[in-house]
C-alpha atoms as a PDB file:
ATOM      1  CA  MET A   1       4.816  17.642  14.591  1.00  0.00           C
ATOM      2  CA  ALA A   2       5.114  14.015  15.697  1.00  0.00           C
ATOM      3  CA  ASN A   3       4.208  11.358  13.142  1.00  0.00           C
ATOM      4  CA  LYS A   4       1.231   9.084  13.751  1.00  0.00           C
ATOM      5  CA  ILE A   5       2.269   5.490  14.255  1.00  0.00           C
ATOM      6  CA  PHE A   6       0.382   2.203  14.007  1.00  0.00           C
ATOM      7  CA  LYS A   7      -1.493   1.115  17.136  1.00  0.00           C
ATOM      8  CA  ASN A   8      -2.703  -2.445  17.638  1.00  0.00           C
ATOM      9  CA  LEU A   9      -6.179  -3.147  19.017  1.00  0.00           C
ATOM     10  CA  ASP A  10      -5.036  -3.363  22.635  1.00  0.00           C
ATOM     11  CA  GLU A  11      -3.208  -0.051  22.300  1.00  0.00           C
ATOM     12  CA  GLN A  12      -6.248   1.555  20.682  1.00  0.00           C
ATOM     13  CA  ILE A  13      -8.412   0.470  23.603  1.00  0.00           C
ATOM     14  CA  ASP A  14      -5.806   1.658  26.100  1.00  0.00           C
ATOM     15  CA  ILE A  15      -5.825   5.116  24.494  1.00  0.00           C
ATOM     16  CA  LEU A  16      -9.605   5.318  24.782  1.00  0.00           C
ATOM     17  CA  LYS A  17      -9.499   4.044  28.360  1.00  0.00           C
ATOM     18  CA  TYR A  18      -6.896   6.644  29.265  1.00  0.00           C
ATOM     19  CA  LYS A  19      -9.317   9.286  27.997  1.00  0.00           C
ATOM     20  CA  GLY A  20     -12.057   7.909  30.247  1.00  0.00           C
ATOM     21  CA  LEU A  21     -14.049   5.646  27.929  1.00  0.00           C
ATOM     22  CA  VAL A  22     -15.639   2.659  29.691  1.00  0.00           C
ATOM     23  CA  PHE A  23     -15.504  -0.817  28.123  1.00  0.00           C
ATOM     24  CA  LYS A  24     -18.010  -3.472  29.197  1.00  0.00           C
ATOM     25  CA  ASP A  25     -16.906  -6.082  26.666  1.00  0.00           C
ATOM     26  CA  GLU A  26     -13.377  -5.624  25.332  1.00  0.00           C
ATOM     27  CA  MET A  27     -13.501  -8.619  22.996  1.00  0.00           C
ATOM     28  CA  ARG A  28     -16.562  -7.214  21.242  1.00  0.00           C
ATOM     29  CA  ALA A  29     -14.916  -3.782  21.145  1.00  0.00           C
ATOM     30  CA  LYS A  30     -11.808  -5.236  19.479  1.00  0.00           C
ATOM     31  CA  ASP A  31     -13.949  -6.953  16.867  1.00  0.00           C
ATOM     32  CA  ILE A  32     -15.769  -3.672  16.138  1.00  0.00           C
ATOM     33  CA  LEU A  33     -12.548  -1.646  15.958  1.00  0.00           C
ATOM     34  CA  LEU A  34     -11.030  -4.170  13.560  1.00  0.00           C
ATOM     35  CA  ARG A  35     -14.071  -4.210  11.274  1.00  0.00           C
ATOM     36  CA  GLU A  36     -15.017  -0.548  11.413  1.00  0.00           C
ATOM     37  CA  ASN A  37     -11.685   1.275  11.878  1.00  0.00           C
ATOM     38  CA  TYR A  38     -10.579   3.122  15.010  1.00  0.00           C
ATOM     39  CA  PHE A  39     -10.217   6.396  13.114  1.00  0.00           C
ATOM     40  CA  PHE A  40     -13.835   6.452  11.894  1.00  0.00           C
ATOM     41  CA  ILE A  41     -15.357   5.425  15.213  1.00  0.00           C
ATOM     42  CA  SER A  42     -13.267   7.947  17.161  1.00  0.00           C
ATOM     43  CA  GLY A  43     -14.508  10.591  14.712  1.00  0.00           C
ATOM     44  CA  TYR A  44     -17.745  10.626  16.723  1.00  0.00           C
ATOM     45  CA  ARG A  45     -16.124  11.168  20.125  1.00  0.00           C
ATOM     46  CA  HIS A  46     -16.774  14.927  20.181  1.00  0.00           C
ATOM     47  CA  PHE A  47     -20.342  14.134  21.227  1.00  0.00           C
ATOM     48  CA  PHE A  48     -18.995  12.871  24.527  1.00  0.00           C
ATOM     49  CA  MET A  49     -16.078  15.155  25.251  1.00  0.00           C
ATOM     50  CA  ASP A  50     -15.937  16.708  28.716  1.00  0.00           C
ATOM     51  CA  PRO A  51     -15.631  20.493  28.163  1.00  0.00           C
ATOM     52  CA  THR A  52     -13.857  20.832  31.515  1.00  0.00           C
ATOM     53  CA  LYS A  53     -11.174  18.229  30.775  1.00  0.00           C
ATOM     54  CA  GLY A  54     -10.049  18.810  27.222  1.00  0.00           C
ATOM     55  CA  LYS A  55      -9.794  15.506  25.358  1.00  0.00           C
ATOM     56  CA  ASN A  56     -11.377  13.346  28.066  1.00  0.00           C
ATOM     57  CA  PHE A  57     -14.770  11.700  27.772  1.00  0.00           C
ATOM     58  CA  LEU A  58     -17.687  12.687  29.972  1.00  0.00           C
ATOM     59  CA  PRO A  59     -17.737  10.500  33.123  1.00  0.00           C
ATOM     60  CA  GLY A  60     -19.471   7.189  32.495  1.00  0.00           C
ATOM     61  CA  THR A  61     -19.299   7.308  28.690  1.00  0.00           C
ATOM     62  CA  THR A  62     -19.178   3.758  27.319  1.00  0.00           C
ATOM     63  CA  PHE A  63     -17.771   2.330  24.125  1.00  0.00           C
ATOM     64  CA  ASN A  64     -21.280   1.068  23.360  1.00  0.00           C
ATOM     65  CA  GLU A  65     -22.531   4.650  23.341  1.00  0.00           C
ATOM     66  CA  LEU A  66     -19.729   5.797  21.051  1.00  0.00           C
ATOM     67  CA  TYR A  67     -20.392   2.916  18.686  1.00  0.00           C
ATOM     68  CA  ALA A  68     -24.156   3.602  18.806  1.00  0.00           C
ATOM     69  CA  VAL A  69     -23.575   7.113  17.410  1.00  0.00           C
ATOM     70  CA  PHE A  70     -21.371   5.633  14.681  1.00  0.00           C
ATOM     71  CA  CYS A  71     -24.155   3.167  13.750  1.00  0.00           C
ATOM     72  CA  PHE A  72     -26.786   5.886  13.982  1.00  0.00           C
ATOM     73  CA  ASP A  73     -24.933   7.969  11.415  1.00  0.00           C
ATOM     74  CA  ARG A  74     -24.516   4.946   9.144  1.00  0.00           C
ATOM     75  CA  HIS A  75     -28.239   4.188   9.288  1.00  0.00           C
ATOM     76  CA  LEU A  76     -29.065   7.839   8.575  1.00  0.00           C
ATOM     77  CA  ARG A  77     -26.754   7.727   5.560  1.00  0.00           C
ATOM     78  CA  ASN A  78     -28.489   4.620   4.241  1.00  0.00           C
ATOM     79  CA  ILE A  79     -31.930   6.178   4.679  1.00  0.00           C
ATOM     80  CA  MET A  80     -30.933   9.433   3.036  1.00  0.00           C
ATOM     81  CA  PHE A  81     -28.965   7.778   0.258  1.00  0.00           C
ATOM     82  CA  LYS A  82     -31.807   5.567  -0.951  1.00  0.00           C
ATOM     83  CA  ASN A  83     -34.167   8.551  -0.965  1.00  0.00           C
ATOM     84  CA  ILE A  84     -31.669  10.774  -2.771  1.00  0.00           C
ATOM     85  CA  LEU A  85     -31.479   8.044  -5.424  1.00  0.00           C
ATOM     86  CA  ILE A  86     -35.260   8.240  -5.832  1.00  0.00           C
ATOM     87  CA  VAL A  87     -35.049  12.016  -6.360  1.00  0.00           C
ATOM     88  CA  GLU A  88     -32.081  11.542  -8.693  1.00  0.00           C
ATOM     89  CA  ASN A  89     -33.989   9.094 -10.857  1.00  0.00           C
ATOM     90  CA  ASN A  90     -37.050  11.363 -10.912  1.00  0.00           C
ATOM     91  CA  ILE A  91     -35.178  14.532 -11.870  1.00  0.00           C
ATOM     92  CA  LYS A  92     -33.214  12.710 -14.562  1.00  0.00           C
ATOM     93  CA  SER A  93     -36.469  11.451 -16.048  1.00  0.00           C
ATOM     94  CA  ILE A  94     -38.102  14.892 -15.941  1.00  0.00           C
ATOM     95  CA  ILE A  95     -35.105  16.670 -17.482  1.00  0.00           C
ATOM     96  CA  SER A  96     -34.750  14.081 -20.237  1.00  0.00           C
ATOM     97  CA  TYR A  97     -38.471  14.313 -21.003  1.00  0.00           C
ATOM     98  CA  GLN A  98     -38.356  18.111 -21.227  1.00  0.00           C
ATOM     99  CA  LEU A  99     -35.281  18.225 -23.471  1.00  0.00           C
ATOM    100  CA  SER A 100     -36.337  15.297 -25.677  1.00  0.00           C
ATOM    101  CA  LYS A 101     -39.810  16.757 -26.211  1.00  0.00           C
ATOM    102  CA  LYS A 102     -38.414  20.142 -27.168  1.00  0.00           C
ATOM    103  CA  TYR A 103     -35.131  19.437 -28.944  1.00  0.00           C
ATOM    104  CA  GLY A 104     -35.314  15.840 -30.142  1.00  0.00           C
ATOM    105  CA  PHE A 105     -34.294  12.493 -28.690  1.00  0.00           C
ATOM    106  CA  LYS A 106     -31.078  11.858 -30.648  1.00  0.00           C
ATOM    107  CA  ASP A 107     -27.811  13.043 -29.083  1.00  0.00           C
ATOM    108  CA  LYS A 108     -26.886  14.945 -32.262  1.00  0.00           C
ATOM    109  CA  ASP A 109     -30.079  16.966 -31.764  1.00  0.00           C
ATOM    110  CA  TYR A 110     -30.262  17.622 -28.028  1.00  0.00           C
ATOM    111  CA  LEU A 111     -26.511  18.137 -27.433  1.00  0.00           C
ATOM    112  CA  VAL A 112     -26.438  21.359 -29.438  1.00  0.00           C
ATOM    113  CA  PRO A 113     -25.218  24.572 -27.747  1.00  0.00           C
ATOM    114  CA  SER A 114     -28.140  26.619 -29.123  1.00  0.00           C
ATOM    115  CA  ASN A 115     -30.515  24.494 -27.018  1.00  0.00           C
ATOM    116  CA  PHE A 116     -29.036  25.989 -23.866  1.00  0.00           C
ATOM    117  CA  THR A 117     -28.653  29.398 -22.259  1.00  0.00           C
ATOM    118  CA  ASN A 118     -27.232  32.211 -24.372  1.00  0.00           C
ATOM    119  CA  ASP A 119     -25.868  33.961 -21.285  1.00  0.00           C
ATOM    120  CA  THR A 120     -22.419  35.178 -22.342  1.00  0.00           C
ATOM    121  CA  LEU A 121     -21.081  34.450 -18.838  1.00  0.00           C
ATOM    122  CA  LYS A 122     -21.984  30.779 -19.245  1.00  0.00           C
ATOM    123  CA  VAL A 123     -20.612  30.066 -22.717  1.00  0.00           C
ATOM    124  CA  ARG A 124     -17.623  28.180 -21.341  1.00  0.00           C
ATOM    125  CA  GLN A 125     -19.807  26.266 -18.877  1.00  0.00           C
ATOM    126  CA  VAL A 126     -22.208  25.201 -21.632  1.00  0.00           C
ATOM    127  CA  THR A 127     -19.293  23.874 -23.673  1.00  0.00           C
ATOM    128  CA  ASP A 128     -17.831  22.134 -20.631  1.00  0.00           C
ATOM    129  CA  VAL A 129     -21.071  20.396 -19.607  1.00  0.00           C
ATOM    130  CA  LEU A 130     -21.867  19.270 -23.147  1.00  0.00           C
ATOM    131  CA  ASN A 131     -18.341  17.872 -23.493  1.00  0.00           C
ATOM    132  CA  LYS A 132     -18.817  15.952 -20.248  1.00  0.00           C
ATOM    133  CA  MET A 133     -22.056  14.480 -21.584  1.00  0.00           C
ATOM    134  CA  LYS A 134     -20.485  13.548 -24.916  1.00  0.00           C
ATOM    135  CA  ARG A 135     -17.580  11.962 -23.064  1.00  0.00           C
ATOM    136  CA  GLN A 136     -20.010   9.760 -21.134  1.00  0.00           C
ATOM    137  CA  ILE A 137     -21.420   8.536 -24.434  1.00  0.00           C
ATOM    138  CA  ARG A 138     -17.903   7.676 -25.612  1.00  0.00           C
ATOM    139  CA  VAL A 139     -16.885   6.055 -22.323  1.00  0.00           C
ATOM    140  CA  ASN A 140     -20.103   4.170 -21.616  1.00  0.00           C
ATOM    141  CA  GLY A 141     -21.282   3.671 -25.178  1.00  0.00           C
ATOM    142  CA  HIS A 142     -19.957   0.132 -25.412  1.00  0.00           C
ATOM    143  CA  LYS A 143     -19.860  -0.685 -21.680  1.00  0.00           C
ATOM    144  CA  HIS A 144     -23.309   0.132 -20.321  1.00  0.00           C
ATOM    145  CA  SER A 145     -25.900  -2.321 -21.657  1.00  0.00           C
ATOM    146  CA  ALA A 146     -28.530   0.338 -22.385  1.00  0.00           C
ATOM    147  CA  THR A 147     -26.209   2.689 -24.295  1.00  0.00           C
ATOM    148  CA  LEU A 148     -24.645  -0.240 -26.138  1.00  0.00           C
ATOM    149  CA  HIS A 149     -28.078  -1.435 -27.240  1.00  0.00           C
ATOM    150  CA  TYR A 150     -29.090   1.926 -28.719  1.00  0.00           C
ATOM    151  CA  ILE A 151     -25.742   2.633 -30.355  1.00  0.00           C
ATOM    152  CA  SER A 152     -25.584  -0.856 -31.873  1.00  0.00           C
ATOM    153  CA  LYS A 153     -29.197  -0.976 -33.047  1.00  0.00           C
ATOM    154  CA  TYR A 154     -30.042   2.662 -33.792  1.00  0.00           C
ATOM    155  CA  GLY A 155     -26.742   4.547 -33.938  1.00  0.00           C
ATOM    156  CA  TYR A 156     -27.617   7.122 -31.285  1.00  0.00           C
ATOM    157  CA  VAL A 157     -28.230   7.478 -27.539  1.00  0.00           C
ATOM    158  CA  PRO A 158     -31.563   9.016 -26.509  1.00  0.00           C
ATOM    159  CA  MET A 159     -31.563  11.480 -23.632  1.00  0.00           C
ATOM    160  CA  TRP A 160     -33.557   9.154 -21.350  1.00  0.00           C
ATOM    161  CA  ILE A 161     -30.770   6.584 -21.694  1.00  0.00           C
ATOM    162  CA  LEU A 162     -27.864   9.028 -21.426  1.00  0.00           C
ATOM    163  CA  VAL A 163     -29.062  10.369 -18.065  1.00  0.00           C
ATOM    164  CA  LYS A 164     -28.665   6.905 -16.559  1.00  0.00           C
ATOM    165  CA  VAL A 165     -24.881   7.144 -16.915  1.00  0.00           C
ATOM    166  CA  LEU A 166     -24.563  10.811 -15.927  1.00  0.00           C
ATOM    167  CA  SER A 167     -23.522  11.625 -12.370  1.00  0.00           C
ATOM    168  CA  PHE A 168     -25.843  13.682 -10.205  1.00  0.00           C
ATOM    169  CA  GLY A 169     -23.154  16.374 -10.256  1.00  0.00           C
ATOM    170  CA  ILE A 170     -23.399  16.657 -14.044  1.00  0.00           C
ATOM    171  CA  ILE A 171     -27.204  16.707 -13.830  1.00  0.00           C
ATOM    172  CA  ALA A 172     -27.025  19.582 -11.331  1.00  0.00           C
ATOM    173  CA  GLU A 173     -24.675  21.450 -13.685  1.00  0.00           C
ATOM    174  CA  LEU A 174     -26.873  20.670 -16.665  1.00  0.00           C
ATOM    175  CA  TYR A 175     -29.846  22.325 -14.997  1.00  0.00           C
ATOM    176  CA  THR A 176     -27.888  25.552 -14.506  1.00  0.00           C
ATOM    177  CA  ILE A 177     -27.210  25.895 -18.253  1.00  0.00           C
ATOM    178  CA  LEU A 178     -30.746  25.249 -19.467  1.00  0.00           C
ATOM    179  CA  LYS A 179     -32.803  27.996 -21.022  1.00  0.00           C
ATOM    180  CA  THR A 180     -34.966  29.856 -18.516  1.00  0.00           C
ATOM    181  CA  GLU A 181     -38.205  28.427 -19.898  1.00  0.00           C
ATOM    182  CA  ASP A 182     -36.852  24.878 -19.552  1.00  0.00           C
ATOM    183  CA  LYS A 183     -35.678  25.525 -16.009  1.00  0.00           C
ATOM    184  CA  LYS A 184     -39.125  26.834 -15.103  1.00  0.00           C
ATOM    185  CA  ALA A 185     -40.941  23.888 -16.662  1.00  0.00           C
ATOM    186  CA  ILE A 186     -38.839  21.438 -14.645  1.00  0.00           C
ATOM    187  CA  ALA A 187     -38.997  23.414 -11.381  1.00  0.00           C
ATOM    188  CA  GLU A 188     -42.778  23.810 -11.655  1.00  0.00           C
ATOM    189  CA  PHE A 189     -43.194  20.046 -11.489  1.00  0.00           C
ATOM    190  CA  TYR A 190     -42.031  20.306  -7.862  1.00  0.00           C
ATOM    191  CA  ASP A 191     -43.722  23.658  -7.237  1.00  0.00           C
ATOM    192  CA  LEU A 192     -40.274  25.213  -6.839  1.00  0.00           C
ATOM    193  CA  LYS A 193     -38.684  28.393  -8.079  1.00  0.00           C
ATOM    194  CA  VAL A 194     -35.727  28.137 -10.444  1.00  0.00           C
ATOM    195  CA  GLU A 195     -33.336  29.488  -7.796  1.00  0.00           C
ATOM    196  CA  GLU A 196     -34.568  26.888  -5.300  1.00  0.00           C
ATOM    197  CA  MET A 197     -34.184  24.060  -7.792  1.00  0.00           C
ATOM    198  CA  GLU A 198     -30.599  25.050  -8.643  1.00  0.00           C
ATOM    199  CA  ILE A 199     -29.592  25.117  -4.976  1.00  0.00           C
ATOM    200  CA  TYR A 200     -31.507  21.933  -4.146  1.00  0.00           C
ATOM    201  CA  LEU A 201     -29.801  19.969  -6.911  1.00  0.00           C
ATOM    202  CA  SER A 202     -26.397  21.277  -5.845  1.00  0.00           C
ATOM    203  CA  LEU A 203     -26.967  20.221  -2.225  1.00  0.00           C
ATOM    204  CA  LEU A 204     -28.417  16.863  -3.230  1.00  0.00           C
ATOM    205  CA  ALA A 205     -25.316  16.106  -5.303  1.00  0.00           C
ATOM    206  CA  ASN A 206     -23.144  17.094  -2.339  1.00  0.00           C
ATOM    207  CA  PHE A 207     -25.027  14.903   0.141  1.00  0.00           C
ATOM    208  CA  ARG A 208     -25.193  12.041  -2.360  1.00  0.00           C
ATOM    209  CA  ASN A 209     -21.418  11.928  -2.697  1.00  0.00           C
ATOM    210  CA  LEU A 210     -20.988  12.115   1.061  1.00  0.00           C
ATOM    211  CA  CYS A 211     -23.387   9.201   1.596  1.00  0.00           C
ATOM    212  CA  ALA A 212     -21.863   7.114  -1.192  1.00  0.00           C
ATOM    213  CA  HIS A 213     -18.397   7.430   0.364  1.00  0.00           C
ATOM    214  CA  GLU A 214     -19.561   6.742   3.944  1.00  0.00           C
ATOM    215  CA  ASP A 215     -18.387  10.110   5.238  1.00  0.00           C
ATOM    216  CA  ILE A 216     -19.765  11.539   8.482  1.00  0.00           C
ATOM    217  CA  LEU A 217     -23.260  12.810   7.749  1.00  0.00           C
ATOM    218  CA  PHE A 218     -25.032  14.109  10.825  1.00  0.00           C
ATOM    219  CA  ASP A 219     -22.923  17.230  11.419  1.00  0.00           C
ATOM    220  CA  HIS A 220     -22.142  17.954   7.758  1.00  0.00           C
ATOM    221  CA  ARG A 221     -22.671  21.527   6.624  1.00  0.00           C
ATOM    222  CA  THR A 222     -22.796  22.571   2.971  1.00  0.00           C
ATOM    223  CA  ASN A 223     -21.324  25.797   1.605  1.00  0.00           C
ATOM    224  CA  ARG A 224     -24.613  26.890   0.049  1.00  0.00           C
ATOM    225  CA  LYS A 225     -27.818  27.465   1.997  1.00  0.00           C
ATOM    226  CA  ILE A 226     -31.351  26.741   0.855  1.00  0.00           C
ATOM    227  CA  PRO A 227     -33.666  29.776   0.649  1.00  0.00           C
ATOM    228  CA  ASP A 228     -36.109  30.433   3.496  1.00  0.00           C
ATOM    229  CA  ASN A 229     -39.486  28.804   2.869  1.00  0.00           C
ATOM    230  CA  TYR A 230     -42.850  28.035   4.454  1.00  0.00           C
ATOM    231  CA  ILE A 231     -41.461  24.971   6.258  1.00  0.00           C
ATOM    232  CA  HIS A 232     -39.018  27.048   8.294  1.00  0.00           C
ATOM    233  CA  TYR A 233     -41.877  29.392   9.165  1.00  0.00           C
ATOM    234  CA  GLN A 234     -44.490  26.755  10.024  1.00  0.00           C
ATOM    235  CA  LEU A 235     -42.076  24.858  12.281  1.00  0.00           C
ATOM    236  CA  GLY A 236     -41.264  28.098  14.066  1.00  0.00           C
ATOM    237  CA  ILE A 237     -37.527  27.536  13.727  1.00  0.00           C
ATOM    238  CA  GLU A 238     -35.529  29.974  15.793  1.00  0.00           C
ATOM    239  CA  LYS A 239     -33.514  32.686  14.079  1.00  0.00           C
ATOM    240  CA  TYR A 240     -30.088  34.131  14.830  1.00  0.00           C
ATOM    241  CA  GLU A 241     -29.156  37.431  13.176  1.00  0.00           C
ATOM    242  CA  ASP A 242     -32.194  37.088  10.890  1.00  0.00           C
ATOM    243  CA  ASP A 243     -31.181  33.613   9.679  1.00  0.00           C
ATOM    244  CA  TYR A 244     -32.825  30.347  10.651  1.00  0.00           C
ATOM    245  CA  ILE A 245     -30.476  28.280  12.830  1.00  0.00           C
ATOM    246  CA  PHE A 246     -31.745  24.942  11.477  1.00  0.00           C
ATOM    247  CA  GLY A 247     -32.654  23.738   8.016  1.00  0.00           C
ATOM    248  CA  LYS A 248     -30.395  25.956   5.926  1.00  0.00           C
ATOM    249  CA  ASN A 249     -27.196  24.004   5.140  1.00  0.00           C
ATOM    250  CA  ASP A 250     -27.413  21.076   7.556  1.00  0.00           C
ATOM    251  CA  LEU A 251     -29.005  17.636   7.502  1.00  0.00           C
ATOM    252  CA  PHE A 252     -32.417  19.135   8.193  1.00  0.00           C
ATOM    253  CA  ALA A 253     -32.013  21.222   5.036  1.00  0.00           C
ATOM    254  CA  LEU A 254     -31.754  17.914   3.194  1.00  0.00           C
ATOM    255  CA  VAL A 255     -34.932  16.739   4.936  1.00  0.00           C
ATOM    256  CA  ILE A 256     -36.694  19.917   3.769  1.00  0.00           C
ATOM    257  CA  ILE A 257     -35.518  19.286   0.203  1.00  0.00           C
ATOM    258  CA  MET A 258     -36.863  15.745   0.412  1.00  0.00           C
ATOM    259  CA  LYS A 259     -40.173  17.061   1.700  1.00  0.00           C
ATOM    260  CA  ARG A 260     -40.541  19.084  -1.459  1.00  0.00           C
ATOM    261  CA  MET A 261     -39.223  16.535  -3.963  1.00  0.00           C
ATOM    262  CA  LEU A 262     -40.465  13.142  -2.756  1.00  0.00           C
ATOM    263  CA  THR A 263     -44.078  12.000  -2.868  1.00  0.00           C
ATOM    264  CA  ASP A 264     -46.028  12.266   0.401  1.00  0.00           C
ATOM    265  CA  ASP A 265     -45.872   8.508   0.960  1.00  0.00           C
ATOM    266  CA  GLU A 266     -42.141   8.334   0.243  1.00  0.00           C
ATOM    267  CA  PHE A 267     -41.446  11.237   2.571  1.00  0.00           C
ATOM    268  CA  LYS A 268     -43.534   9.915   5.444  1.00  0.00           C
ATOM    269  CA  MET A 269     -41.779   6.567   5.193  1.00  0.00           C
ATOM    270  CA  MET A 270     -38.418   8.338   5.324  1.00  0.00           C
ATOM    271  CA  ILE A 271     -39.453  10.337   8.404  1.00  0.00           C
ATOM    272  CA  ASN A 272     -40.664   7.180  10.149  1.00  0.00           C
ATOM    273  CA  GLU A 273     -37.327   5.497   9.490  1.00  0.00           C
ATOM    274  CA  VAL A 274     -35.332   8.483  10.753  1.00  0.00           C
ATOM    275  CA  ASN A 275     -37.530   8.759  13.849  1.00  0.00           C
ATOM    276  CA  TYR A 276     -36.999   5.068  14.586  1.00  0.00           C
ATOM    277  CA  GLU A 277     -33.214   5.473  14.450  1.00  0.00           C
ATOM    278  CA  ILE A 278     -33.380   8.496  16.765  1.00  0.00           C
ATOM    279  CA  GLN A 279     -35.448   6.523  19.278  1.00  0.00           C
ATOM    280  CA  VAL A 280     -33.030   3.586  19.133  1.00  0.00           C
ATOM    281  CA  LEU A 281     -30.093   5.909  19.793  1.00  0.00           C
ATOM    282  CA  ASP A 282     -31.941   7.643  22.618  1.00  0.00           C
ATOM    283  CA  GLY A 283     -32.468   4.255  24.257  1.00  0.00           C
ATOM    284  CA  ILE A 284     -28.711   3.513  24.268  1.00  0.00           C
ATOM    285  CA  ILE A 285     -27.111   6.844  25.137  1.00  0.00           C
ATOM    286  CA  GLU A 286     -27.337   7.993  28.743  1.00  0.00           C
ATOM    287  CA  VAL A 287     -24.603  10.610  29.240  1.00  0.00           C
ATOM    288  CA  VAL A 288     -25.744  12.962  26.466  1.00  0.00           C
ATOM    289  CA  PRO A 289     -29.333  14.327  26.191  1.00  0.00           C
ATOM    290  CA  LEU A 290     -31.281  13.648  22.991  1.00  0.00           C
ATOM    291  CA  ASP A 291     -31.650  17.412  22.460  1.00  0.00           C
ATOM    292  CA  THR A 292     -27.871  17.674  22.166  1.00  0.00           C
ATOM    293  CA  ILE A 293     -27.865  15.040  19.434  1.00  0.00           C
ATOM    294  CA  LEU A 294     -30.697  16.728  17.536  1.00  0.00           C
ATOM    295  CA  ASP A 295     -28.937  20.075  17.799  1.00  0.00           C
ATOM    296  CA  LYS A 296     -25.765  18.585  16.331  1.00  0.00           C
ATOM    297  CA  ILE A 297     -27.712  17.136  13.416  1.00  0.00           C
ATOM    298  CA  GLY A 298     -29.401  20.468  12.814  1.00  0.00           C
ATOM    299  CA  PHE A 299     -32.867  19.205  13.778  1.00  0.00           C
ATOM    300  CA  PRO A 300     -35.286  21.432  15.697  1.00  0.00           C
ATOM    301  CA  GLN A 301     -36.973  19.626  18.612  1.00  0.00           C
ATOM    302  CA  ASN A 302     -40.273  19.509  16.704  1.00  0.00           C
ATOM    303  CA  TRP A 303     -38.554  18.222  13.552  1.00  0.00           C
ATOM    304  CA  SER A 304     -40.953  15.300  12.973  1.00  0.00           C
ATOM    305  CA  GLU A 305     -43.901  17.697  12.545  1.00  0.00           C
ATOM    306  CA  ILE A 306     -42.574  18.358   9.043  1.00  0.00           C
ATOM    307  CA  ALA A 307     -44.381  15.184   7.965  1.00  0.00           C
ATOM    308  CA  TYR A 308     -47.744  16.906   8.528  1.00  0.00           C
ATOM    309  CA  ILE A 309     -46.999  20.265   6.905  1.00  0.00           C
ATOM    310  CA  ARG A 310     -48.853  20.917   3.675  1.00  0.00           C
END
């Protein structure tokens, strides 16, 4: 296999031109390629590939259209990321409240194995998660201002402070090792079942990491799927082999999770922002229908009606 070699900006543009991409302003294109990286922008080219000509672009495809999809995905990431952070803060607060109320607010009290599931298949996981939490106290104890304050003044770190330095991944794991009654109490706040909450937290952690690292979002698919629910049914999402084709492990699945975990006002604002970005993109792209873009994201055509479902 031939090694990839460095290409300067002119060579990068020549490659794209050879594949049929149209440039209306090469100087602007060079500036964008330098700032944004040829590799990441070209990662969106599959939208515009001509199925009859292999690696060539559809006739008339412009660099502006390619860049518009890149920007669209970035704006979606920003919208989703800030809302995931809201959910993250909420769930951390709810979990810390539940555990502090029941087991005490000092780390020597709430970080006790007997406070968690006694499932013999999860003994190692309980130990592992608790060790991760204790490690965060050691690592952040004298670095993070909040933990430093409590350790210095009181000699312990309350749960509502510890959660601030725990990753969403650890929080998702923590939920899976809670006692059943604690899981239910937390899930009921969102009117969710325990199984739903476990999967939702896992997917949220996955999407959060993707957004934080500026990876491609719109066609991301997670390994786990969210359970069927009333939103799939009320939107009339099409099925294939008895499984909904949208809203299971795609970006629309994340939207469904947000519907159930954000407040109504927060969710409606998020939907308005996403809809705005879709309309902006639709106004720039001419060679690819909007339906094709929505399909790639995992959005049904009536996706925005989710804002009005009760």
